[in-house]
N, C-alpha and C. Protein backbone atom coordinates (compact mmCIF):
# COMPACT_ATOMS: atom_id res chain seq x y z
N UNK A 1 5.58 8.60 8.77
CA UNK A 1 6.21 8.53 7.49
C UNK A 1 6.47 9.96 7.05
N UNK A 2 7.68 10.24 6.60
CA UNK A 2 8.01 11.56 6.11
C UNK A 2 8.44 11.44 4.65
N UNK A 3 8.22 12.49 3.90
CA UNK A 3 8.54 12.52 2.49
C UNK A 3 9.50 13.66 2.23
N UNK A 4 10.46 13.45 1.36
CA UNK A 4 11.37 14.51 0.95
C UNK A 4 11.44 14.48 -0.56
N UNK A 5 11.30 15.65 -1.17
CA UNK A 5 11.39 15.73 -2.62
C UNK A 5 12.85 15.89 -3.01
N UNK A 6 13.25 15.22 -4.06
CA UNK A 6 14.61 15.28 -4.55
C UNK A 6 14.88 16.64 -5.19
N UNK A 7 16.13 16.97 -5.41
CA UNK A 7 16.45 18.24 -6.08
C UNK A 7 15.79 18.35 -7.44
N UNK A 8 15.64 19.56 -7.92
CA UNK A 8 14.98 19.82 -9.20
C UNK A 8 15.65 19.04 -10.32
N UNK A 9 14.83 18.51 -11.24
CA UNK A 9 15.35 17.75 -12.36
C UNK A 9 15.31 16.26 -12.14
N UNK A 10 15.11 15.83 -10.92
CA UNK A 10 15.02 14.40 -10.60
C UNK A 10 13.66 14.17 -9.97
N UNK A 11 12.75 13.56 -10.73
CA UNK A 11 11.38 13.37 -10.24
C UNK A 11 11.29 12.11 -9.40
N UNK A 12 11.74 12.21 -8.17
CA UNK A 12 11.65 11.09 -7.24
C UNK A 12 11.47 11.64 -5.84
N UNK A 13 11.01 10.78 -4.95
CA UNK A 13 10.85 11.15 -3.56
C UNK A 13 11.57 10.13 -2.68
N UNK A 14 11.86 10.53 -1.47
CA UNK A 14 12.43 9.63 -0.46
C UNK A 14 11.38 9.43 0.62
N UNK A 15 11.21 8.19 1.06
CA UNK A 15 10.22 7.89 2.09
C UNK A 15 10.95 7.35 3.31
N UNK A 16 10.72 7.99 4.44
CA UNK A 16 11.33 7.56 5.70
C UNK A 16 10.20 7.19 6.66
N UNK A 17 10.30 6.03 7.29
CA UNK A 17 9.27 5.56 8.20
C UNK A 17 9.63 5.96 9.63
N UNK A 18 8.72 6.66 10.28
CA UNK A 18 8.91 7.10 11.65
C UNK A 18 8.51 5.98 12.60
N UNK A 19 9.33 5.72 13.60
CA UNK A 19 9.06 4.69 14.61
C UNK A 19 8.90 3.29 14.03
N UNK A 20 9.58 3.00 12.95
CA UNK A 20 9.57 1.68 12.34
C UNK A 20 11.01 1.25 12.09
N UNK A 21 11.22 -0.04 12.01
CA UNK A 21 12.57 -0.57 11.81
C UNK A 21 12.99 -0.53 10.34
N UNK A 22 12.07 -0.20 9.44
CA UNK A 22 12.39 -0.23 8.02
C UNK A 22 13.35 0.88 7.63
N UNK A 23 14.25 0.55 6.71
CA UNK A 23 15.18 1.53 6.17
C UNK A 23 14.42 2.48 5.26
N UNK A 24 14.97 3.68 5.06
CA UNK A 24 14.29 4.63 4.18
C UNK A 24 14.38 4.17 2.74
N UNK A 25 13.38 4.53 1.98
CA UNK A 25 13.34 4.23 0.54
C UNK A 25 13.77 5.49 -0.19
N UNK A 26 14.84 5.41 -0.92
CA UNK A 26 15.32 6.56 -1.68
C UNK A 26 15.02 6.40 -3.15
N UNK A 27 14.92 7.50 -3.84
CA UNK A 27 14.71 7.54 -5.29
C UNK A 27 13.47 6.77 -5.74
N UNK A 28 12.35 7.01 -5.06
CA UNK A 28 11.07 6.43 -5.49
C UNK A 28 10.58 7.28 -6.66
N UNK A 29 10.49 6.69 -7.86
CA UNK A 29 10.17 7.49 -9.05
C UNK A 29 8.73 7.98 -9.05
N UNK A 30 8.54 9.25 -9.38
CA UNK A 30 7.20 9.82 -9.51
C UNK A 30 7.08 10.61 -10.81
N UNK A 31 7.96 10.34 -11.77
CA UNK A 31 7.94 11.09 -13.02
C UNK A 31 7.04 10.47 -14.09
N UNK A 32 6.67 9.20 -13.93
CA UNK A 32 5.80 8.53 -14.90
C UNK A 32 4.64 7.87 -14.19
N UNK A 33 3.51 7.83 -14.88
CA UNK A 33 2.35 7.13 -14.33
C UNK A 33 2.63 5.64 -14.29
N UNK A 34 2.13 4.99 -13.25
CA UNK A 34 2.29 3.54 -13.12
C UNK A 34 2.32 3.13 -11.66
N UNK A 35 2.59 1.85 -11.45
CA UNK A 35 2.68 1.29 -10.10
C UNK A 35 4.08 0.73 -9.91
N UNK A 36 4.67 1.06 -8.78
CA UNK A 36 6.02 0.60 -8.45
C UNK A 36 5.96 -0.08 -7.09
N UNK A 37 6.52 -1.27 -7.00
CA UNK A 37 6.51 -2.03 -5.75
C UNK A 37 7.91 -2.04 -5.16
N UNK A 38 7.99 -1.82 -3.84
CA UNK A 38 9.25 -1.80 -3.13
C UNK A 38 9.21 -2.78 -1.96
N UNK A 39 10.30 -3.48 -1.75
CA UNK A 39 10.43 -4.38 -0.61
C UNK A 39 10.99 -3.57 0.55
N UNK A 40 10.34 -3.65 1.70
CA UNK A 40 10.80 -2.93 2.88
C UNK A 40 11.79 -3.80 3.64
N UNK A 41 12.93 -3.21 3.96
CA UNK A 41 13.99 -3.94 4.66
C UNK A 41 14.26 -3.25 5.98
N UNK A 42 14.64 -3.95 7.01
CA UNK A 42 14.80 -5.40 7.08
C UNK A 42 13.44 -6.09 7.19
N UNK A 43 13.45 -7.36 6.89
CA UNK A 43 12.20 -8.11 6.96
C UNK A 43 11.77 -8.25 8.42
N UNK A 44 10.48 -8.40 8.61
CA UNK A 44 9.95 -8.60 9.96
C UNK A 44 9.52 -10.04 10.08
N UNK A 45 9.92 -10.66 11.15
CA UNK A 45 9.65 -12.07 11.39
C UNK A 45 10.14 -12.91 10.21
N UNK A 46 9.26 -13.57 9.49
CA UNK A 46 9.67 -14.47 8.41
C UNK A 46 9.43 -13.92 7.02
N UNK A 47 8.88 -12.73 6.90
CA UNK A 47 8.53 -12.26 5.56
C UNK A 47 8.93 -10.80 5.36
N UNK A 48 9.02 -10.44 4.10
CA UNK A 48 9.28 -9.06 3.74
C UNK A 48 7.95 -8.34 3.56
N UNK A 49 7.89 -7.11 4.01
CA UNK A 49 6.73 -6.27 3.77
C UNK A 49 6.97 -5.50 2.48
N UNK A 50 5.90 -5.15 1.80
CA UNK A 50 6.02 -4.44 0.53
C UNK A 50 5.17 -3.17 0.57
N UNK A 51 5.61 -2.19 -0.18
CA UNK A 51 4.90 -0.93 -0.32
C UNK A 51 4.69 -0.67 -1.80
N UNK A 52 3.47 -0.29 -2.17
CA UNK A 52 3.18 0.02 -3.55
C UNK A 52 3.03 1.52 -3.70
N UNK A 53 3.71 2.08 -4.68
CA UNK A 53 3.62 3.51 -4.99
C UNK A 53 2.89 3.62 -6.32
N UNK A 54 1.72 4.23 -6.31
CA UNK A 54 0.92 4.40 -7.52
C UNK A 54 0.96 5.87 -7.92
N UNK A 55 1.34 6.13 -9.17
CA UNK A 55 1.44 7.50 -9.68
C UNK A 55 0.45 7.64 -10.83
N UNK A 56 -0.43 8.66 -10.72
CA UNK A 56 -1.36 8.93 -11.82
C UNK A 56 -1.61 10.43 -11.89
N UNK A 57 -2.11 10.86 -13.05
CA UNK A 57 -2.40 12.27 -13.27
C UNK A 57 -3.90 12.41 -13.51
N UNK A 58 -4.52 13.30 -12.74
CA UNK A 58 -5.95 13.59 -12.89
C UNK A 58 -6.13 15.10 -12.93
N UNK A 59 -6.74 15.59 -13.98
CA UNK A 59 -7.02 17.03 -14.14
C UNK A 59 -5.74 17.86 -13.94
N UNK A 60 -4.67 17.45 -14.60
CA UNK A 60 -3.38 18.14 -14.55
C UNK A 60 -2.74 18.15 -13.18
N UNK A 61 -3.17 17.25 -12.31
CA UNK A 61 -2.58 17.14 -10.97
C UNK A 61 -2.00 15.74 -10.80
N UNK A 62 -0.75 15.68 -10.39
CA UNK A 62 -0.11 14.39 -10.16
C UNK A 62 -0.51 13.88 -8.78
N UNK A 63 -1.01 12.65 -8.72
CA UNK A 63 -1.44 12.04 -7.47
C UNK A 63 -0.53 10.84 -7.19
N UNK A 64 0.14 10.88 -6.05
CA UNK A 64 1.02 9.79 -5.64
C UNK A 64 0.37 9.13 -4.43
N UNK A 65 0.06 7.83 -4.56
CA UNK A 65 -0.59 7.08 -3.49
C UNK A 65 0.34 5.99 -3.01
N UNK A 66 0.57 5.93 -1.71
CA UNK A 66 1.35 4.86 -1.09
C UNK A 66 0.38 3.94 -0.40
N UNK A 67 0.46 2.64 -0.71
CA UNK A 67 -0.49 1.70 -0.12
C UNK A 67 0.10 0.31 -0.06
N UNK A 68 -0.67 -0.57 0.52
CA UNK A 68 -0.33 -1.98 0.57
C UNK A 68 -0.39 -2.57 -0.83
N UNK A 69 0.28 -3.69 -1.02
CA UNK A 69 0.21 -4.37 -2.31
C UNK A 69 -1.07 -5.19 -2.43
N UNK A 70 -1.81 -5.31 -1.35
CA UNK A 70 -3.07 -6.07 -1.36
C UNK A 70 -4.26 -5.12 -1.42
N UNK A 71 -5.19 -5.41 -2.31
CA UNK A 71 -6.41 -4.62 -2.40
C UNK A 71 -7.55 -5.60 -2.65
N UNK A 72 -8.60 -5.48 -1.86
CA UNK A 72 -9.73 -6.41 -1.96
C UNK A 72 -11.00 -5.60 -2.19
N UNK A 73 -11.79 -6.03 -3.19
CA UNK A 73 -13.08 -5.42 -3.47
C UNK A 73 -14.14 -6.51 -3.38
N UNK A 74 -15.19 -6.26 -2.65
CA UNK A 74 -16.30 -7.19 -2.57
C UNK A 74 -17.36 -6.75 -3.57
N UNK A 75 -17.50 -7.50 -4.65
CA UNK A 75 -18.49 -7.16 -5.68
C UNK A 75 -19.62 -8.18 -5.70
N UNK A 76 -19.92 -8.71 -4.53
CA UNK A 76 -21.01 -9.67 -4.41
C UNK A 76 -22.23 -8.99 -3.81
N UNK A 77 -23.31 -9.74 -3.65
CA UNK A 77 -24.52 -9.22 -3.02
C UNK A 77 -24.44 -9.26 -1.50
N UNK A 78 -23.43 -9.93 -0.96
CA UNK A 78 -23.40 -10.21 0.48
C UNK A 78 -22.13 -9.66 1.12
N UNK A 79 -22.22 -9.27 2.39
CA UNK A 79 -21.01 -8.85 3.11
C UNK A 79 -20.04 -10.02 3.24
N UNK A 80 -18.77 -9.73 3.23
CA UNK A 80 -17.72 -10.74 3.32
C UNK A 80 -16.75 -10.32 4.42
N UNK A 81 -16.31 -11.27 5.21
CA UNK A 81 -15.29 -10.99 6.23
C UNK A 81 -13.99 -11.67 5.81
N UNK A 82 -12.93 -10.90 5.81
CA UNK A 82 -11.61 -11.41 5.43
C UNK A 82 -10.70 -11.29 6.63
N UNK A 83 -10.00 -12.39 6.94
CA UNK A 83 -9.04 -12.39 8.05
C UNK A 83 -7.65 -12.61 7.51
N UNK A 84 -6.71 -11.81 7.98
CA UNK A 84 -5.31 -11.94 7.58
C UNK A 84 -4.50 -12.18 8.83
N UNK A 85 -3.70 -13.22 8.82
CA UNK A 85 -2.87 -13.56 9.97
C UNK A 85 -2.32 -14.96 9.81
N UNK A 86 -1.70 -15.48 10.84
CA UNK A 86 -1.17 -16.83 10.78
C UNK A 86 -2.32 -17.82 10.66
N UNK A 87 -2.37 -18.53 9.56
CA UNK A 87 -3.42 -19.52 9.34
C UNK A 87 -4.78 -18.92 9.10
N UNK A 88 -4.86 -17.60 8.83
CA UNK A 88 -6.14 -16.97 8.55
C UNK A 88 -6.98 -16.73 9.79
N UNK A 89 -6.40 -16.92 10.98
CA UNK A 89 -7.13 -16.73 12.23
C UNK A 89 -6.88 -15.32 12.75
N UNK A 90 -7.92 -14.49 12.82
CA UNK A 90 -7.75 -13.10 13.23
C UNK A 90 -7.45 -12.96 14.71
N UNK A 91 -7.51 -14.04 15.47
CA UNK A 91 -7.21 -13.95 16.90
C UNK A 91 -5.73 -14.12 17.19
N UNK A 92 -4.94 -14.46 16.17
CA UNK A 92 -3.50 -14.62 16.38
C UNK A 92 -2.84 -13.27 16.46
N UNK A 93 -1.63 -13.26 16.98
CA UNK A 93 -0.88 -12.02 17.12
C UNK A 93 -0.69 -11.36 15.76
N UNK A 94 -1.07 -10.12 15.65
CA UNK A 94 -0.89 -9.40 14.41
C UNK A 94 -1.97 -9.66 13.39
N UNK A 95 -2.97 -10.47 13.72
CA UNK A 95 -4.04 -10.76 12.77
C UNK A 95 -4.97 -9.57 12.59
N UNK A 96 -5.54 -9.47 11.41
CA UNK A 96 -6.46 -8.38 11.10
C UNK A 96 -7.71 -8.97 10.48
N UNK A 97 -8.88 -8.55 10.95
CA UNK A 97 -10.14 -8.99 10.37
C UNK A 97 -10.86 -7.76 9.82
N UNK A 98 -11.35 -7.86 8.60
CA UNK A 98 -12.02 -6.74 7.95
C UNK A 98 -13.35 -7.24 7.39
N UNK A 99 -14.40 -6.48 7.63
CA UNK A 99 -15.71 -6.80 7.05
C UNK A 99 -15.96 -5.87 5.89
N UNK A 100 -16.26 -6.45 4.74
CA UNK A 100 -16.53 -5.67 3.53
C UNK A 100 -18.01 -5.78 3.20
N UNK A 101 -18.66 -4.65 3.08
CA UNK A 101 -20.06 -4.64 2.70
C UNK A 101 -20.21 -4.91 1.21
N UNK A 102 -21.42 -5.15 0.78
CA UNK A 102 -21.70 -5.43 -0.63
C UNK A 102 -21.51 -4.15 -1.44
N UNK A 103 -20.79 -4.27 -2.55
CA UNK A 103 -20.60 -3.14 -3.45
C UNK A 103 -20.87 -3.53 -4.89
N UNK A 104 -21.72 -4.50 -5.07
CA UNK A 104 -22.02 -4.99 -6.41
C UNK A 104 -22.67 -3.86 -7.22
N UNK A 105 -21.98 -3.35 -8.23
CA UNK A 105 -22.48 -2.21 -9.01
C UNK A 105 -23.66 -2.58 -9.88
N UNK A 106 -23.74 -3.83 -10.31
CA UNK A 106 -24.85 -4.27 -11.16
C UNK A 106 -26.12 -4.48 -10.36
N UNK A 107 -26.00 -4.47 -9.02
CA UNK A 107 -27.14 -4.81 -8.17
C UNK A 107 -27.87 -3.57 -7.66
N UNK A 108 -27.37 -2.39 -7.95
CA UNK A 108 -27.97 -1.17 -7.41
C UNK A 108 -29.13 -0.69 -8.25
């Protein structure tokens, strides 16, 4: 993934994906704090992929985070395993299985 900053006066970036079929995303706004969701084109298989751009300011520094639109937090006492794929089976093509440890803040 490569990033290019727009000319001065336009607070946006362009995102180009290396070795991926997705088209580049132009004019991704980074001038205001917030979350912006973009659909990646062309779609792969039967669905569109999405990219979330989160902009925030901490200690006078602008932080731009690019991530998935899915975020999972395990706030239980027990580890949890989450599988993403066709039918929730991590053994299918492209399936992903993730184990999340306990992060219950009230339990520490």
